[in-house]
Amino acid sequence: MAAWKQIVIALVMLAVAMGVWVKFFPGASEVLAGWDINWPGSVVAARPSAPAGAQQSRSGAGPRTAVVTAQVTSSVINDRLSAIGTGRANNSVTVKPYTAGRVTGLEVESGQRVEAGTVIAMLDSEVEQIALDRARIALADSEARLERIRSLKIANTATQVQVTDAELVVGNAKLALRDAQLNLDRRSVTAPIEGIVGILPVEAGNYVTTDTVVATIDDRSRIKIDFYVPERFAANMAVGGLLNASPIARPEEVIEGSVSAVDNRVDDKSRTLLVQASIPNDKDTLRAGMSFRVEVRFPGDTYPSVDPLAIQWGTDGAFVWVIRDGKAKRTPVRIVQRNTENVLIAAEGIGAGDTVVTEGVHVVREGADVLVAKSDPAAPAAAGNGS
């Protein structure tokens, strides 16, 4: 093959490779512009011309590049936490009898409010009553015997040892009487706390043991809500922190409460922290077992917010063009959060009030003079995001 044909084929292949590179490589336009090459089909070829009468740069390097800019604002994230929790009574007790026996009567009804010490049920107590009467008789007899011996001691017909033995018998008789009284009292099942009695699972005539549930009592003057928070919020949770809770069944009802307890460790399986909230229940409309949506507010983290069009990508990651004194400065950024209308970034030297390029970014060069053809007003800060 002739040499000139080989040269033509090589040039064609080189042109095709260059075209593919310009089309698919994101930074190709910038590289070509740096070499002062205007490749057909590249973004540089579609560079918008500066408006008529555009000012010349002070250095005399030529017309400024026309761009559209937007102001950097600030947004707050991680400023609230939303979680679903389960409510339970402020104090709840499952009442069981101390001893086994047959229920002779129920003294309360389901749904009744009781005070601490109120009798809930009575068990058969004939045996205990007999034991109590016997103990009383024994105590009376021992006390009478002690008095006789003391009288004999005054007449010197009884010794001090006999008096001491009689006093010991009296003491044992008193203990036996207390024991009999305690056994009789325990035949009455009483409420240990103030609260509302639930549905009674037993009836008169049932035989119960120490494992039988006679009643459940809930003190629901306040409702405790157990919920879990992601571990990134663990440092923000503290006892006494304010929060809002809404029953899932009545989302329009918002109740103010506070954090009442925080667990001392993060669960290593779910990576969450157990937190307990307390809310008032003055109207007694809330019940244990209800589900609640809990919202906790925090100071949050503030980051610069830019228009999504300002974010560009290069071989070393994301960056934006910042306008300083009429010149473009390429500034690397780290994307914190993407939203529909803005992007939160972290970067050194960028803050609220700065100006970034949103349109015409492909024709901007480092340190080049720029002409702001249009400046978009600052977008409103996005609402903080929670979990």
Protein backbone atom coordinates (compact mmCIF):
# COMPACT_ATOMS: atom_id res chain seq x y z
CA MET A 1 0.00 0.00 0.00
CA ALA A 2 1.22 3.40 -0.89
CA ALA A 3 2.61 5.51 1.91
CA TRP A 4 0.20 8.33 1.27
CA LYS A 5 -2.77 5.95 1.69
CA GLN A 6 -1.41 4.74 5.02
CA ILE A 7 -1.03 8.35 6.17
CA VAL A 8 -4.65 9.14 5.17
CA ILE A 9 -6.01 6.06 6.98
CA ALA A 10 -4.02 6.94 10.12
CA LEU A 11 -5.35 10.52 10.07
CA VAL A 12 -8.92 9.27 9.67
CA MET A 13 -8.54 6.83 12.56
CA LEU A 14 -7.02 9.58 14.69
CA ALA A 15 -9.93 11.90 13.86
CA VAL A 16 -12.48 9.20 14.78
CA ALA A 17 -10.70 8.48 18.08
CA MET A 18 -10.58 12.20 18.83
CA GLY A 19 -14.31 12.51 18.12
CA VAL A 20 -15.16 9.61 20.43
CA TRP A 21 -12.95 11.06 23.15
CA VAL A 22 -14.57 14.51 22.87
CA LYS A 23 -18.07 13.01 22.97
CA PHE A 24 -17.69 10.67 25.93
CA PHE A 25 -14.92 12.13 28.09
CA PRO A 26 -16.41 14.76 30.49
CA GLY A 27 -13.29 16.89 30.67
CA ALA A 28 -12.46 16.84 26.96
CA SER A 29 -13.83 20.31 26.25
CA GLU A 30 -11.70 21.84 28.99
CA VAL A 31 -8.56 20.08 27.73
CA LEU A 32 -9.15 21.22 24.16
CA ALA A 33 -9.80 24.77 25.32
CA GLY A 34 -6.52 24.70 27.20
CA TRP A 35 -4.78 23.76 23.92
CA ASP A 36 -6.70 26.51 22.04
CA ILE A 37 -8.36 23.83 19.86
CA ASN A 38 -11.97 24.39 18.76
CA TRP A 39 -13.14 20.85 17.99
CA PRO A 40 -16.43 20.57 16.05
CA GLY A 41 -19.25 19.17 18.23
CA SER A 42 -17.51 19.94 21.51
CA VAL A 43 -19.09 22.15 24.15
CA VAL A 44 -16.44 24.77 23.50
CA ALA A 45 -17.66 25.16 19.94
CA ALA A 46 -21.09 26.06 21.29
CA ARG A 47 -19.65 28.75 23.50
CA PRO A 48 -22.09 31.63 23.74
CA SER A 49 -20.72 34.82 22.37
CA ALA A 50 -20.41 37.73 24.73
CA PRO A 51 -23.15 40.36 24.47
CA ALA A 52 -22.53 43.28 22.23
CA GLY A 53 -20.47 45.84 23.97
CA ALA A 54 -19.00 43.38 26.44
CA GLN A 55 -16.22 44.93 28.43
CA GLN A 56 -12.66 43.96 27.81
CA SER A 57 -10.69 42.47 30.67
CA ARG A 58 -8.39 44.87 32.45
CA SER A 59 -5.43 42.80 31.38
CA GLY A 60 -6.41 43.20 27.72
CA ALA A 61 -6.79 39.41 27.25
CA GLY A 62 -10.07 39.72 25.35
CA PRO A 63 -13.80 39.78 26.06
CA ARG A 64 -15.12 38.37 29.26
CA THR A 65 -17.06 35.07 29.26
CA ALA A 66 -20.80 35.59 29.78
CA VAL A 67 -22.24 33.35 32.49
CA VAL A 68 -25.32 33.01 34.68
CA THR A 69 -24.73 32.97 38.41
CA ALA A 70 -26.63 32.28 41.62
CA GLN A 71 -26.00 33.22 45.20
CA VAL A 72 -24.97 30.64 47.79
CA THR A 73 -27.42 30.31 50.66
CA SER A 74 -27.33 28.16 53.81
CA SER A 75 -29.49 25.23 54.82
CA VAL A 76 -29.86 23.29 58.03
CA ILE A 77 -30.07 19.50 58.16
CA ASN A 78 -30.26 16.94 60.95
CA ASP A 79 -32.36 19.44 62.88
CA ARG A 80 -35.24 17.11 63.61
CA LEU A 81 -35.92 13.44 64.23
CA SER A 82 -39.17 11.66 63.46
CA ALA A 83 -39.78 8.19 64.85
CA ILE A 84 -42.63 5.80 65.60
CA GLY A 85 -42.98 4.65 69.20
CA THR A 86 -45.25 2.53 71.38
CA GLY A 87 -47.01 3.98 74.39
CA ARG A 88 -47.36 2.34 77.77
CA ALA A 89 -48.75 3.36 81.12
CA ASN A 90 -46.72 5.48 83.49
CA ASN A 91 -46.94 2.57 85.95
CA SER A 92 -48.47 -0.81 85.28
CA VAL A 93 -48.90 -3.73 87.70
CA THR A 94 -50.10 -7.28 87.19
CA VAL A 95 -51.75 -8.32 90.44
CA LYS A 96 -51.34 -11.92 91.65
CA PRO A 97 -52.33 -13.43 95.04
CA TYR A 98 -49.71 -14.23 97.68
CA THR A 99 -51.28 -17.65 98.35
CA ALA A 100 -53.50 -20.16 96.58
CA GLY A 101 -57.20 -20.43 97.34
CA ARG A 102 -60.75 -20.07 96.09
CA VAL A 103 -62.09 -16.62 95.17
CA THR A 104 -65.05 -15.81 97.39
CA GLY A 105 -65.80 -12.38 95.96
CA LEU A 106 -64.61 -9.54 93.70
CA GLU A 107 -64.69 -6.09 95.29
CA VAL A 108 -64.04 -3.96 92.15
CA GLU A 109 -65.23 -3.79 88.55
CA SER A 110 -63.35 -3.50 85.27
CA GLY A 111 -62.51 0.12 84.42
CA GLN A 112 -62.82 1.29 88.03
CA ARG A 113 -60.25 3.70 89.44
CA VAL A 114 -58.75 2.38 92.67
CA GLU A 115 -56.41 3.74 95.31
CA ALA A 116 -53.36 1.90 96.62
CA GLY A 117 -54.54 -0.66 99.20
CA THR A 118 -58.05 -1.10 97.76
CA VAL A 119 -59.25 -4.73 98.07
CA ILE A 120 -59.72 -6.29 94.64
CA ALA A 121 -60.70 -9.87 95.54
CA MET A 122 -61.21 -12.02 98.63
CA LEU A 123 -60.04 -15.62 99.03
CA ASP A 124 -61.46 -18.22 101.39
CA SER A 125 -59.89 -17.52 104.81
CA GLU A 126 -61.53 -19.82 107.38
CA VAL A 127 -58.29 -21.61 108.20
CA GLU A 128 -56.36 -18.37 108.58
CA GLN A 129 -59.10 -16.89 110.77
CA ILE A 130 -58.96 -19.92 113.06
CA ALA A 131 -55.18 -19.63 113.28
CA LEU A 132 -55.51 -15.96 114.18
CA ASP A 133 -58.01 -16.69 116.96
CA ARG A 134 -55.78 -19.43 118.32
CA ALA A 135 -52.80 -17.06 118.35
CA ARG A 136 -54.80 -14.46 120.25
CA ILE A 137 -55.79 -17.02 122.90
CA ALA A 138 -52.19 -18.20 123.24
CA LEU A 139 -50.97 -14.62 123.63
CA ALA A 140 -53.59 -13.86 126.30
CA ASP A 141 -52.66 -17.04 128.22
CA SER A 142 -48.93 -16.31 128.08
CA GLU A 143 -49.45 -12.73 129.25
CA ALA A 144 -51.58 -13.93 132.22
CA ARG A 145 -48.93 -16.49 133.16
CA LEU A 146 -46.26 -13.78 133.02
CA GLU A 147 -48.27 -11.63 135.42
CA ARG A 148 -48.64 -14.52 137.90
CA ILE A 149 -44.93 -15.26 137.86
CA ARG A 150 -44.09 -11.61 138.39
CA SER A 151 -46.39 -11.56 141.44
CA LEU A 152 -44.67 -14.67 142.77
CA LYS A 153 -41.32 -13.04 142.15
CA ILE A 154 -42.33 -10.14 144.40
CA ALA A 155 -43.19 -12.68 147.12
CA ASN A 156 -39.85 -14.40 146.53
CA THR A 157 -41.58 -17.65 145.52
CA ALA A 158 -40.43 -17.44 141.87
CA THR A 159 -36.99 -16.93 140.43
CA GLN A 160 -35.82 -14.41 137.87
CA VAL A 161 -35.20 -17.26 135.46
CA GLN A 162 -38.89 -18.16 135.56
CA VAL A 163 -39.80 -14.52 134.85
CA THR A 164 -37.44 -14.44 131.87
CA ASP A 165 -38.87 -17.67 130.47
CA ALA A 166 -42.41 -16.30 130.78
CA GLU A 167 -41.41 -13.11 128.98
CA LEU A 168 -39.90 -15.17 126.17
CA VAL A 169 -43.15 -17.12 125.80
CA VAL A 170 -45.09 -13.85 125.58
CA GLY A 171 -42.75 -12.55 122.88
CA ASN A 172 -43.15 -15.71 120.81
CA ALA A 173 -46.90 -15.53 121.21
CA LYS A 174 -46.93 -11.97 119.87
CA LEU A 175 -44.89 -13.05 116.83
CA ALA A 176 -47.28 -15.96 116.24
CA LEU A 177 -50.21 -13.51 116.37
CA ARG A 178 -48.52 -11.23 113.80
CA ASP A 179 -47.85 -14.22 111.56
CA ALA A 180 -51.46 -15.34 111.76
CA GLN A 181 -52.69 -11.81 111.05
CA LEU A 182 -50.37 -11.55 108.01
CA ASN A 183 -51.63 -14.85 106.62
CA LEU A 184 -55.20 -13.66 107.03
CA ASP A 185 -54.46 -10.29 105.39
CA ARG A 186 -52.91 -12.04 102.40
CA ARG A 187 -56.21 -13.74 101.71
CA SER A 188 -57.30 -10.30 100.52
CA VAL A 189 -55.84 -9.31 97.12
CA THR A 190 -55.21 -5.56 97.19
CA ALA A 191 -54.12 -2.92 94.66
CA PRO A 192 -50.45 -1.98 95.11
CA ILE A 193 -50.78 1.31 93.15
CA GLU A 194 -53.37 3.89 92.19
CA GLY A 195 -54.79 3.42 88.73
CA ILE A 196 -57.47 1.95 86.49
CA VAL A 197 -58.44 -1.73 86.78
CA GLY A 198 -58.47 -3.65 83.51
CA ILE A 199 -60.77 -6.50 82.56
CA LEU A 200 -60.85 -9.00 85.43
CA PRO A 201 -59.84 -12.48 84.20
CA VAL A 202 -61.27 -14.35 87.22
CA GLU A 203 -64.68 -14.71 88.81
CA ALA A 204 -65.99 -15.67 92.21
CA GLY A 205 -65.59 -19.40 92.76
CA ASN A 206 -62.40 -19.74 90.66
CA TYR A 207 -59.43 -21.43 92.27
CA VAL A 208 -56.31 -19.30 91.91
CA THR A 209 -52.62 -19.88 92.59
CA THR A 210 -49.70 -17.55 93.06
CA ASP A 211 -49.23 -17.57 89.26
CA THR A 212 -52.83 -16.58 88.47
CA VAL A 213 -53.40 -13.01 87.26
CA VAL A 214 -56.28 -11.55 89.24
CA ALA A 215 -56.20 -8.03 87.72
CA THR A 216 -54.03 -5.52 85.85
CA ILE A 217 -53.82 -1.91 87.01
CA ASP A 218 -52.52 0.94 84.86
CA ASP A 219 -51.59 4.37 86.11
CA ARG A 220 -52.08 6.32 82.89
CA SER A 221 -51.93 9.82 84.30
CA ARG A 222 -48.90 10.06 82.01
CA ILE A 223 -48.01 7.93 79.00
CA LYS A 224 -44.48 6.71 78.37
CA ILE A 225 -43.41 6.21 74.75
CA ASP A 226 -40.56 3.89 73.84
CA PHE A 227 -38.92 4.69 70.50
CA TYR A 228 -35.59 4.09 68.80
CA VAL A 229 -33.30 6.69 67.22
CA PRO A 230 -30.37 6.18 64.80
CA GLU A 231 -26.96 6.16 66.42
CA ARG A 232 -26.00 9.48 64.77
CA PHE A 233 -28.55 11.17 67.05
CA ALA A 234 -27.31 9.44 70.22
CA ALA A 235 -25.25 12.44 71.36
CA ASN A 236 -28.25 14.76 70.94
CA MET A 237 -30.59 12.80 73.19
CA ALA A 238 -30.70 13.94 76.83
CA VAL A 239 -33.17 13.58 79.67
CA GLY A 240 -35.44 16.62 79.81
CA GLY A 241 -35.26 17.40 76.10
CA LEU A 242 -38.54 18.66 74.65
CA LEU A 243 -40.47 16.79 71.96
CA ASN A 244 -43.89 16.52 70.32
CA ALA A 245 -45.95 13.34 70.06
CA SER A 246 -49.06 12.60 68.00
CA PRO A 247 -51.19 9.45 68.16
CA ILE A 248 -51.13 7.68 64.82
CA ALA A 249 -54.91 7.34 65.05
CA ARG A 250 -55.31 11.11 65.62
CA PRO A 251 -52.44 12.83 63.77
CA GLU A 252 -54.00 16.28 64.23
CA GLU A 253 -53.53 16.02 68.00
CA VAL A 254 -50.06 17.24 69.03
CA ILE A 255 -48.95 16.71 72.63
CA GLU A 256 -45.87 18.32 74.15
CA GLY A 257 -43.68 16.09 76.27
CA SER A 258 -40.08 15.47 77.23
CA VAL A 259 -37.42 12.77 77.18
CA SER A 260 -37.67 10.83 80.44
CA ALA A 261 -34.96 8.19 79.94
CA VAL A 262 -32.13 7.35 77.53
CA ASP A 263 -30.56 3.91 77.32
CA ASN A 264 -26.87 3.62 78.11
CA ARG A 265 -25.85 1.75 74.97
CA VAL A 266 -26.56 1.48 71.25
CA ASP A 267 -27.96 -1.83 70.06
CA ASP A 268 -25.21 -3.49 68.05
CA LYS A 269 -27.66 -5.26 65.72
CA SER A 270 -29.95 -2.41 64.68
CA ARG A 271 -27.50 0.44 65.47
CA THR A 272 -30.26 2.31 67.25
CA LEU A 273 -30.64 3.78 70.73
CA LEU A 274 -33.69 3.19 72.92
CA VAL A 275 -35.22 6.44 74.21
CA GLN A 276 -38.24 6.90 76.47
CA ALA A 277 -40.53 9.93 76.33
CA SER A 278 -43.21 11.03 78.76
CA ILE A 279 -46.37 12.93 77.78
CA PRO A 280 -49.34 14.07 79.92
CA ASN A 281 -52.71 12.34 79.71
CA ASP A 282 -54.89 14.79 81.61
CA LYS A 283 -58.05 13.95 79.66
CA ASP A 284 -57.42 10.19 79.92
CA THR A 285 -57.83 9.76 76.15
CA LEU A 286 -54.59 7.84 75.62
CA ARG A 287 -54.07 4.17 76.32
CA ALA A 288 -51.10 1.89 76.75
CA GLY A 289 -50.19 0.11 73.53
CA MET A 290 -51.10 3.02 71.24
CA SER A 291 -48.63 4.00 68.53
CA PHE A 292 -47.25 7.52 68.40
CA ARG A 293 -45.24 9.63 65.99
CA VAL A 294 -42.52 11.38 67.95
CA GLU A 295 -40.69 14.46 66.65
CA VAL A 296 -37.61 15.82 68.37
CA ARG A 297 -35.91 19.09 67.36
CA PHE A 298 -32.17 19.70 67.41
CA PRO A 299 -29.92 22.69 66.58
CA GLY A 300 -28.90 20.84 63.41
CA ASP A 301 -25.91 21.27 61.07
CA THR A 302 -25.64 24.26 58.72
CA TYR A 303 -24.11 23.85 55.25
CA PRO A 304 -23.79 26.07 52.15
CA SER A 305 -26.58 25.48 49.64
CA VAL A 306 -26.07 25.86 45.87
CA ASP A 307 -28.12 25.37 42.75
CA PRO A 308 -27.75 21.81 41.35
CA LEU A 309 -26.56 23.32 38.02
CA ALA A 310 -23.51 24.75 39.78
CA ILE A 311 -22.11 21.30 40.59
CA GLN A 312 -19.55 20.12 38.05
CA TRP A 313 -17.47 16.98 37.92
CA GLY A 314 -13.86 16.58 36.99
CA THR A 315 -11.26 13.86 37.23
CA ASP A 316 -10.67 14.77 40.87
CA GLY A 317 -14.34 14.92 41.90
CA ALA A 318 -17.03 17.57 42.27
CA PHE A 319 -16.30 21.30 42.09
CA VAL A 320 -18.01 24.66 41.55
CA TRP A 321 -16.93 27.89 39.89
CA VAL A 322 -16.89 30.70 42.45
CA ILE A 323 -16.77 34.32 41.27
CA ARG A 324 -14.19 36.39 43.17
CA ASP A 325 -13.45 39.95 42.06
CA GLY A 326 -14.90 39.22 38.63
CA LYS A 327 -12.70 36.16 38.11
CA ALA A 328 -13.60 32.48 38.19
CA LYS A 329 -12.06 30.23 40.80
CA ARG A 330 -12.46 26.47 40.67
CA THR A 331 -13.24 25.21 44.18
CA PRO A 332 -13.48 21.50 45.07
CA VAL A 333 -16.55 20.58 47.13
CA ARG A 334 -17.92 17.59 49.00
CA ILE A 335 -21.61 16.88 48.45
CA VAL A 336 -23.42 16.46 51.77
CA GLN A 337 -26.99 16.09 50.56
CA ARG A 338 -28.84 16.33 47.28
CA ASN A 339 -32.36 17.78 47.24
CA THR A 340 -34.76 18.61 44.43
CA GLU A 341 -34.03 22.34 44.41
CA ASN A 342 -30.58 22.59 45.97
CA VAL A 343 -27.43 20.72 46.87
CA LEU A 344 -25.76 21.00 50.26
CA ILE A 345 -21.98 21.09 50.08
CA ALA A 346 -18.96 21.27 52.33
CA ALA A 347 -15.99 23.26 51.07
CA GLU A 348 -13.34 25.58 52.40
CA GLY A 349 -13.86 29.22 51.57
CA ILE A 350 -17.48 28.95 50.44
CA GLY A 351 -20.30 30.39 52.52
CA ALA A 352 -23.66 32.08 52.30
CA GLY A 353 -23.51 35.17 50.10
CA ASP A 354 -20.87 33.89 47.69
CA THR A 355 -21.64 33.71 43.97
CA VAL A 356 -21.30 30.55 41.87
CA VAL A 357 -21.72 29.93 38.14
CA THR A 358 -24.83 27.95 37.18
CA GLU A 359 -24.90 28.34 33.37
CA GLY A 360 -21.97 28.66 31.03
CA VAL A 361 -19.80 26.54 33.31
CA HIS A 362 -18.18 24.71 30.41
CA VAL A 363 -16.65 27.88 29.01
CA VAL A 364 -15.26 29.15 32.30
CA ARG A 365 -11.54 28.84 32.93
CA GLU A 366 -9.49 29.18 36.09
CA GLY A 367 -8.69 32.82 36.78
CA ALA A 368 -10.55 34.05 33.69
CA ASP A 369 -12.60 37.24 33.75
CA VAL A 370 -16.32 36.60 33.59
CA LEU A 371 -19.26 38.76 32.68
CA VAL A 372 -22.46 38.06 34.59
CA ALA A 373 -25.18 38.00 31.97
CA LYS A 374 -27.83 37.12 34.55
CA SER A 375 -27.85 36.57 38.26
CA ASP A 376 -30.54 34.35 39.78
CA PRO A 377 -31.89 35.42 43.17
CA ALA A 378 -30.84 33.37 46.13
CA ALA A 379 -33.02 30.30 46.56
CA PRO A 380 -34.72 29.85 49.92
CA ALA A 381 -32.97 27.59 52.36
CA ALA A 382 -34.30 24.06 52.33
CA ALA A 383 -36.02 22.72 55.39
CA GLY A 384 -33.89 20.63 57.65
CA ASN A 385 -34.07 16.88 57.17
CA GLY A 386 -34.44 14.42 59.95
CA SER A 387 -35.00 10.73 60.20
